Protein backbone atom coordinates (compact mmCIF):
# COMPACT_ATOMS: atom_id res chain seq x y z
CA MET A 1 76.09 17.10 -3.09
CA ARG A 2 72.35 17.69 -3.00
CA GLN A 3 70.53 14.62 -1.70
CA ARG A 4 67.68 12.99 -3.60
CA ILE A 5 65.83 10.80 -1.14
CA GLY A 6 63.20 8.34 -2.37
CA PHE A 7 60.38 6.96 -0.27
CA LEU A 8 58.74 3.63 -1.33
CA TYR A 9 55.31 2.65 -0.14
CA LEU A 10 52.37 0.60 -1.16
CA LYS A 11 48.66 1.38 -0.81
CA THR A 12 47.98 -1.62 1.48
CA GLY A 13 46.21 0.17 4.34
CA GLY A 14 46.73 3.83 5.06
CA GLY A 15 49.78 3.67 7.44
CA HIS A 16 52.49 3.17 4.80
CA ILE A 17 51.55 6.12 2.57
CA SER A 18 50.68 8.38 5.41
CA GLY A 19 54.01 7.57 6.99
CA ALA A 20 55.85 8.40 3.77
CA ASN A 21 53.90 11.65 3.37
CA ALA A 22 54.49 12.67 6.95
CA LEU A 23 58.23 12.11 6.64
CA VAL A 24 58.40 14.02 3.34
CA ALA A 25 56.45 16.95 4.72
CA ARG A 26 58.64 17.20 7.83
CA LEU A 27 61.86 16.88 5.85
CA LYS A 28 60.71 19.57 3.46
CA GLU A 29 59.95 21.87 6.39
CA LYS A 30 63.17 21.23 8.27
CA TYR A 31 65.68 20.70 5.43
CA PRO A 32 64.30 22.49 2.46
CA ASP A 33 67.60 23.60 0.72
CA ASN A 34 69.94 20.67 0.46
CA ALA A 35 67.62 17.67 -0.64
CA GLU A 36 64.77 16.66 -2.83
CA TYR A 37 62.20 14.18 -1.44
CA ILE A 38 60.46 11.93 -3.88
CA PRO A 39 57.63 9.52 -2.68
CA GLN A 40 56.95 6.59 -5.04
CA ASN A 41 54.34 3.81 -5.10
CA GLY A 42 56.23 0.56 -5.50
CA PHE A 43 53.67 -0.64 -7.97
CA ASN A 44 53.18 1.51 -11.09
CA SER A 45 50.32 1.35 -13.55
CA THR A 46 51.86 -1.58 -15.44
CA ASN A 47 51.77 -3.82 -12.28
CA LEU A 48 48.03 -4.27 -12.51
CA VAL A 49 47.93 -7.92 -11.25
CA ALA A 50 50.30 -7.23 -8.35
CA ARG A 51 48.24 -4.09 -7.36
CA ILE A 52 45.07 -6.03 -7.35
CA PHE A 53 46.48 -8.91 -5.40
CA PHE A 54 48.30 -6.86 -2.78
CA GLU A 55 46.31 -3.64 -2.50
CA LYS A 56 42.75 -4.71 -3.20
CA GLY A 57 43.45 -8.16 -1.74
CA TYR A 58 44.74 -6.76 1.53
CA LEU A 59 41.68 -4.47 2.00
CA ALA A 60 39.22 -7.20 1.06
CA THR A 61 40.70 -9.96 3.24
CA SER A 62 41.60 -7.90 6.26
CA ASN A 63 38.09 -6.33 6.38
CA TYR A 64 35.88 -9.06 5.05
CA PHE A 65 37.76 -12.40 5.03
CA GLU A 66 40.15 -12.30 7.91
CA LEU A 67 40.72 -16.01 7.93
CA GLY A 68 42.11 -15.87 4.37
CA TYR A 69 44.44 -12.98 5.29
CA VAL A 70 45.68 -14.74 8.46
CA ALA A 71 46.29 -17.98 6.49
CA PHE A 72 48.35 -15.94 3.91
CA TYR A 73 50.15 -14.13 6.74
CA GLN A 74 51.14 -17.37 8.38
CA LEU A 75 52.10 -19.10 5.19
CA THR A 76 54.46 -16.32 4.21
CA LYS A 77 56.39 -16.58 7.51
CA SER A 78 58.31 -19.48 5.97
CA LYS A 79 61.69 -18.43 4.52
CA THR A 80 61.18 -20.83 1.69
CA VAL A 81 57.83 -19.14 0.76
CA LEU A 82 59.41 -15.72 1.17
CA THR A 83 62.22 -16.72 -1.22
CA PHE A 84 59.58 -17.97 -3.79
CA CYS A 85 57.56 -14.73 -3.45
CA LYS A 86 60.68 -12.70 -3.97
CA TRP A 87 61.45 -14.73 -7.13
CA LEU A 88 57.89 -14.36 -8.36
CA LEU A 89 57.71 -10.60 -7.91
CA ARG A 90 61.24 -9.90 -9.01
CA PRO A 91 60.53 -9.74 -12.88
CA PHE A 92 57.54 -7.35 -12.30
CA LEU A 93 58.96 -4.86 -9.78
CA VAL A 94 62.72 -4.69 -10.02
CA LYS A 95 62.76 -3.11 -13.45
CA ASN A 96 60.38 -0.34 -12.29
CA LEU A 97 62.51 0.39 -9.22
CA ILE A 98 65.64 0.55 -11.28
CA THR A 99 63.96 3.04 -13.59
CA PHE A 100 62.83 5.10 -10.54
CA LEU A 101 66.38 5.12 -9.12
CA LYS A 102 67.96 6.15 -12.39
CA THR A 103 65.24 8.65 -13.55
CA GLU A 104 65.04 10.49 -10.18
CA LYS A 105 68.79 10.12 -9.57
CA ILE A 106 68.11 8.75 -6.11
CA THR A 107 71.03 9.00 -3.59
CA LYS A 108 69.26 7.44 -0.61
CA LEU A 109 66.19 5.12 -0.47
CA VAL A 110 63.71 4.75 2.38
CA CYS A 111 61.36 1.74 2.19
CA LEU A 112 58.08 1.65 4.24
CA HIS A 113 56.70 -1.66 3.06
CA GLU A 114 58.11 -5.15 3.79
CA ILE A 115 57.38 -6.52 0.29
CA LEU A 116 59.52 -3.92 -1.35
CA ILE A 117 62.66 -4.23 0.85
CA PRO A 118 64.39 -7.20 -0.85
CA LEU A 119 63.45 -5.97 -4.27
CA ALA A 120 64.73 -2.50 -3.57
CA ARG A 121 68.06 -4.04 -2.56
CA ILE A 122 68.28 -5.89 -5.83
CA ALA A 123 67.50 -2.71 -7.75
CA ILE A 124 70.06 -0.65 -5.75
CA ASN A 125 72.80 -3.31 -6.29
CA ARG A 126 72.20 -3.04 -10.07
CA VAL A 127 72.24 0.74 -10.19
CA ASN A 128 74.69 1.81 -7.42
CA PRO A 129 75.36 -0.49 -4.37
CA SER A 130 76.54 2.49 -2.32
CA ILE A 131 73.00 3.98 -2.22
CA PRO A 132 71.90 3.64 1.45
CA LEU A 133 68.74 1.62 2.00
CA ILE A 134 66.74 2.47 5.15
CA SER A 135 63.77 0.32 6.04
CA ILE A 136 61.13 1.45 8.46
CA VAL A 137 59.21 -1.43 10.18
CA MET A 138 55.73 0.13 10.40
CA ASP A 139 54.30 -2.46 12.76
CA PRO A 140 55.50 -1.42 16.27
CA PHE A 141 55.16 -4.70 18.31
CA THR A 142 54.31 -7.64 16.09
CA ALA A 143 56.14 -7.66 12.78
CA HIS A 144 56.14 -10.09 9.88
CA PRO A 145 59.38 -11.93 9.18
CA LEU A 146 59.50 -10.38 5.78
CA TRP A 147 60.54 -7.04 7.38
CA PHE A 148 63.77 -8.84 8.46
CA TYR A 149 64.38 -11.02 5.37
CA GLU A 150 66.88 -8.60 3.71
CA LYS A 151 69.88 -8.00 5.99
CA ASP A 152 71.69 -5.36 3.82
CA THR A 153 69.68 -2.43 5.07
CA GLU A 154 69.52 -0.03 7.97
CA LEU A 155 66.43 -0.90 10.10
CA ILE A 156 64.21 1.50 12.05
CA VAL A 157 61.92 -0.05 14.60
CA PHE A 158 59.40 1.42 16.99
CA SER A 159 59.89 -0.76 20.09
CA ARG A 160 62.65 -2.36 22.17
CA LYS A 161 60.87 -5.73 21.65
CA LEU A 162 61.43 -5.54 17.82
CA GLN A 163 64.88 -4.14 18.24
CA ARG A 164 65.84 -7.26 20.39
CA GLU A 165 64.15 -9.68 17.89
CA ALA A 166 65.89 -8.08 14.91
CA ILE A 167 69.31 -8.62 16.57
CA SER A 168 68.92 -11.87 18.48
CA TYR A 169 66.46 -13.80 16.29
CA TYR A 170 66.99 -12.47 12.82
CA GLY A 171 70.68 -11.82 12.95
CA PHE A 172 70.99 -8.08 12.37
CA LYS A 173 74.06 -6.33 13.70
CA PRO A 174 73.27 -4.06 16.63
CA GLU A 175 74.56 -1.00 14.73
CA GLN A 176 72.06 -1.68 11.97
CA VAL A 177 68.94 -1.51 14.11
CA HIS A 178 67.77 1.96 15.30
CA GLN A 179 64.93 2.27 17.74
CA PHE A 180 62.68 5.34 17.72
CA PRO A 181 59.19 6.14 19.03
CA ILE A 182 56.39 5.43 16.49
CA MET A 183 55.80 8.00 13.90
CA LEU A 184 52.61 10.12 14.32
CA SER A 185 51.18 13.13 12.69
CA ARG A 186 52.59 16.33 14.30
CA ASN A 187 48.98 17.30 15.04
CA PHE A 188 49.16 14.82 17.88
CA ASP A 189 52.17 16.34 19.50
CA ARG A 190 49.97 18.04 22.06
CA ARG A 191 46.40 17.68 23.27
CA TYR A 192 43.70 20.21 22.57
CA THR A 193 42.77 22.82 25.17
CA LEU A 194 39.20 23.25 26.28
CA ASP A 195 38.74 26.23 23.97
CA GLU A 196 40.20 24.27 21.03
CA LYS A 197 37.79 21.33 21.68
CA ILE A 198 34.82 23.74 21.78
CA ALA A 199 36.03 25.47 18.46
CA ALA A 200 36.47 21.99 16.77
CA LYS A 201 33.00 20.83 17.92
CA LYS A 202 31.36 24.01 16.53
CA LYS A 203 33.27 23.67 13.30
CA HIS A 204 32.07 20.13 12.72
CA GLY A 205 28.54 20.41 14.12
CA ILE A 206 29.16 18.34 17.13
CA PRO A 207 27.05 19.03 20.29
CA LEU A 208 28.75 20.88 23.03
CA ASP A 209 26.66 19.37 25.81
CA LYS A 210 27.13 15.61 25.17
CA LYS A 211 29.71 12.92 25.61
CA ILE A 212 31.29 12.08 22.32
CA VAL A 213 32.02 8.55 21.09
CA MET A 214 33.76 7.83 17.81
CA VAL A 215 33.78 4.78 15.53
CA VAL A 216 36.68 4.69 13.14
CA GLY A 217 38.53 2.03 11.22
CA GLY A 218 41.10 2.26 8.44
CA GLY A 219 40.48 3.47 4.81
CA GLU A 220 37.55 1.05 4.48
CA GLY A 221 35.99 1.80 7.80
CA LEU A 222 35.55 -0.62 10.74
CA LYS A 223 34.09 -3.98 9.59
CA ALA A 224 31.67 -4.17 12.56
CA THR A 225 30.45 -0.56 12.18
CA LEU A 226 26.84 -1.29 11.14
CA ALA A 227 26.32 -3.75 14.01
CA ILE A 228 27.89 -1.31 16.51
CA VAL A 229 25.57 1.57 15.29
CA ASN A 230 22.51 -0.72 15.65
CA ALA A 231 23.56 -1.63 19.17
CA PHE A 232 24.05 1.99 19.99
CA ILE A 233 20.51 2.68 18.75
CA PHE A 234 18.83 -0.30 20.48
CA GLN A 235 20.55 0.27 23.81
CA ARG A 236 19.60 3.99 23.72
CA CYS A 237 22.99 5.20 24.41
CA PRO A 238 22.84 8.88 25.52
CA ALA A 239 26.16 9.89 23.91
CA HIS A 240 26.64 11.54 20.50
CA LEU A 241 28.09 9.00 18.07
CA ILE A 242 30.51 10.03 15.32
CA VAL A 243 30.99 7.38 12.67
CA ILE A 244 33.91 7.58 10.18
CA CYS A 245 33.45 5.40 7.10
CA GLY A 246 36.61 6.29 5.25
CA LYS A 247 36.43 5.46 1.57
CA ASN A 248 33.63 2.86 2.07
CA LYS A 249 30.88 4.51 0.23
CA VAL A 250 28.52 1.58 0.69
CA LEU A 251 28.77 1.73 4.43
CA LYS A 252 28.19 5.49 4.38
CA THR A 253 25.09 5.03 2.26
CA GLN A 254 23.73 2.38 4.48
CA LEU A 255 24.16 4.42 7.58
CA GLU A 256 22.59 7.48 5.93
CA ILE A 257 19.56 5.41 4.98
CA LEU A 258 19.35 3.97 8.48
CA LEU A 259 19.49 7.42 10.11
CA LYS A 260 16.95 8.82 7.65
CA THR A 261 14.43 6.03 8.35
CA THR A 262 14.89 5.92 12.11
CA ARG A 263 15.26 9.69 12.50
CA ILE A 264 18.05 9.29 15.06
CA ALA A 265 19.53 12.71 15.90
CA ASN A 266 22.57 11.70 17.97
CA ILE A 267 24.53 9.91 15.21
CA GLN A 268 26.76 11.79 12.78
CA VAL A 269 28.25 10.11 9.73
CA PHE A 270 31.39 11.12 7.94
CA GLY A 271 33.12 9.74 4.87
CA PHE A 272 36.86 10.15 4.32
CA VAL A 273 38.09 12.98 6.61
CA SER A 274 41.27 15.02 6.94
CA CYS A 275 40.28 16.36 10.35
CA MET A 276 41.04 13.24 12.51
CA PRO A 277 43.04 15.31 15.16
CA ASP A 278 39.91 17.44 15.73
CA LEU A 279 37.60 14.39 16.00
CA ILE A 280 39.85 12.38 18.20
CA ASN A 281 40.44 15.29 20.58
CA VAL A 282 36.81 16.01 21.03
CA SER A 283 35.89 12.39 21.65
CA ASP A 284 35.53 10.87 25.14
CA CYS A 285 36.01 7.36 23.81
CA VAL A 286 37.22 5.84 20.54
CA ILE A 287 36.03 2.52 19.06
CA THR A 288 38.36 1.24 16.44
CA LYS A 289 40.56 -1.70 15.30
CA GLY A 290 44.08 -2.57 16.13
CA GLY A 291 45.94 -0.57 13.48
CA PRO A 292 49.00 1.10 15.01
CA ALA A 293 48.33 4.62 13.66
CA THR A 294 44.84 5.18 15.08
CA VAL A 295 45.67 3.38 18.33
CA MET A 296 48.76 5.47 19.03
CA GLU A 297 47.08 8.77 17.88
CA THR A 298 44.18 8.09 20.19
CA LEU A 299 46.42 7.34 23.15
CA SER A 300 48.47 10.44 22.44
CA ALA A 301 45.33 12.42 22.78
CA GLY A 302 44.66 10.77 26.17
CA LYS A 303 41.46 8.89 25.10
CA PRO A 304 40.36 5.49 26.12
CA LEU A 305 40.18 2.84 23.41
CA ILE A 306 37.77 0.01 22.70
CA LEU A 307 39.25 -2.30 20.13
CA ALA A 308 36.43 -4.16 18.25
CA SER A 309 38.81 -6.13 16.17
CA TYR A 310 42.49 -6.68 15.26
CA VAL A 311 44.18 -8.57 12.43
CA ARG A 312 45.47 -11.76 13.92
CA GLY A 313 49.25 -11.91 13.87
CA GLN A 314 49.93 -8.44 12.39
CA GLU A 315 48.04 -6.36 15.02
CA LEU A 316 48.22 -8.72 18.01
CA GLY A 317 50.98 -6.72 19.70
CA ASN A 318 48.96 -3.49 19.36
CA MET A 319 45.99 -5.07 21.10
CA LEU A 320 48.08 -6.55 23.89
CA TYR A 321 49.76 -3.17 24.38
CA VAL A 322 46.40 -1.46 25.00
CA VAL A 323 44.86 -4.27 27.09
CA ASN A 324 47.93 -5.17 29.21
CA ASN A 325 48.63 -1.61 30.12
CA ASN A 326 44.97 -0.91 31.01
CA LEU A 327 44.66 1.76 28.41
CA GLY A 328 41.47 0.31 26.97
CA TRP A 329 39.58 -2.91 26.18
CA TYR A 330 39.39 -5.52 23.46
CA ILE A 331 35.65 -6.24 23.02
CA PRO A 332 34.51 -7.84 19.70
CA GLN A 333 30.85 -8.10 20.50
CA PRO A 334 28.87 -4.92 19.47
CA ARG A 335 26.36 -5.19 22.38
CA LYS A 336 29.13 -5.45 24.99
CA ILE A 337 30.95 -2.52 23.26
CA ILE A 338 28.00 -0.23 23.86
CA LYS A 339 27.61 -1.54 27.38
CA LYS A 340 31.17 -0.44 28.08
CA VAL A 341 30.67 2.83 26.36
CA LYS A 342 27.78 3.61 28.68
CA GLU A 343 30.01 2.80 31.72
CA ILE A 344 32.76 5.07 30.42
CA ILE A 345 30.66 8.07 29.68
CA ALA A 346 28.75 7.76 32.99
CA ASP A 347 32.02 7.87 35.07
CA ASP A 348 34.24 10.90 34.74
CA SER A 349 36.70 9.35 37.25
CA LEU A 350 37.14 6.31 34.90
CA LEU A 351 37.98 8.69 32.05
CA ALA A 352 40.44 10.56 34.31
CA SER A 353 42.14 7.27 35.49
CA ILE A 354 42.62 6.10 31.89
CA GLU A 355 44.19 9.49 30.91
CA LYS A 356 46.43 9.19 33.92
CA LYS A 357 47.55 5.59 32.83
CA ILE A 358 48.20 6.86 29.26
CA ASP A 359 50.30 9.78 30.69
CA MET A 360 52.44 7.20 32.54
CA MET A 361 53.30 5.51 29.22
CA HIS A 362 55.15 8.61 28.08
CA ILE A 363 54.04 8.17 24.43
CA GLN A 364 56.30 10.30 22.18
CA ASN A 365 56.30 11.10 18.43
CA GLY A 366 59.19 9.70 16.57
CA LEU A 367 58.63 11.65 13.48
CA GLU A 368 61.15 14.35 14.29
CA PRO A 369 64.16 12.07 15.22
CA ILE A 370 63.48 9.71 12.36
CA ALA A 371 63.34 12.56 9.85
CA ASP A 372 66.74 13.80 11.33
CA PHE A 373 68.21 10.32 11.10
CA ILE A 374 67.17 9.83 7.45
CA TYR A 375 68.64 13.25 6.40
CA GLN A 376 71.89 12.85 8.35
CA PHE A 377 72.54 9.21 7.85
CA GLN A 378 74.87 9.29 4.86
CA GLU A 379 76.82 12.22 6.43
CA SER A 380 77.38 10.45 9.70
CA ARG A 381 78.41 7.26 7.94
CA ASN A 382 80.97 9.12 5.84
CA THR A 383 82.30 10.86 8.94
CA GLU A 384 82.77 7.51 10.75
CA GLU A 385 84.62 6.15 7.65
């Protein structure tokens, strides 16, 4: 029987949809003949209120009102609150998920967002309870309890820490919890050669004779970007600065006006880009926030990290992973960030020592084994039965 595998995501941050797209792309490449792969936003056009609250609300609070986001994050750790949220969202989302399962004739469902897992289980039970549900916990070290609220699912986690917590604290059976390395773009499976770095620099107009520092956040850019750029200018940092604004058009306009008025030549501003592997690999240091994708992609490329911020609770584990393993620094003050940048670019031995420490972590890409697991899961379960 030809498989029809659905992938559920939400547009709350870039990691969920990029994870779904990466999995779909790899599965299409590796198993093109015996399956169809259908990505689906958990909120459709009729779920306007939910989309505004969760998608726009996440972006706004995590970037501009972190206290509000942290308060909501902590409040929803309560099982009572989670049950209430499930009851509140159920009338709006379950019907859409049932329609998706029936219309697309889904035979296996992969969920990449914690909000959707319990609702997907309800929809599956109404359509066909034998449809496997596989949930991928996208936060590698510190995960919200909602990821573990629904027990009738296979669970993929990215660390032994979460594997232990799922079993010992949240009550999952050991055979339900599958630990793999974190999923990354296949473009980070290997580091660029010197010739590839030179070609990438020429392609994007980046100087060949300067140390390169990059500032990057999520889809909305890094919230302290403007202050970091000002500190870079005032401290006369000799590096070439690349600034990625993402979809934040206001930030991009502000920086372009600043550069035009100050006539600074060693700062380069980008909007939303699809060439992150190029830009990370040519950088000597990356300033970012604690999101798992950018953190692990940067480390895979062997580059030191400066974390300017992290979302309390959700991204705490990512920050501790970087700092406790001496792979980078957490520095929230823009002036101190640039001071550290100047130290890094002035000392090649420091860059080499950080790269050596990163190598010792043996960071691997879990995309391939996770894609294999998803494709083969039903077959292996049938064989065991």
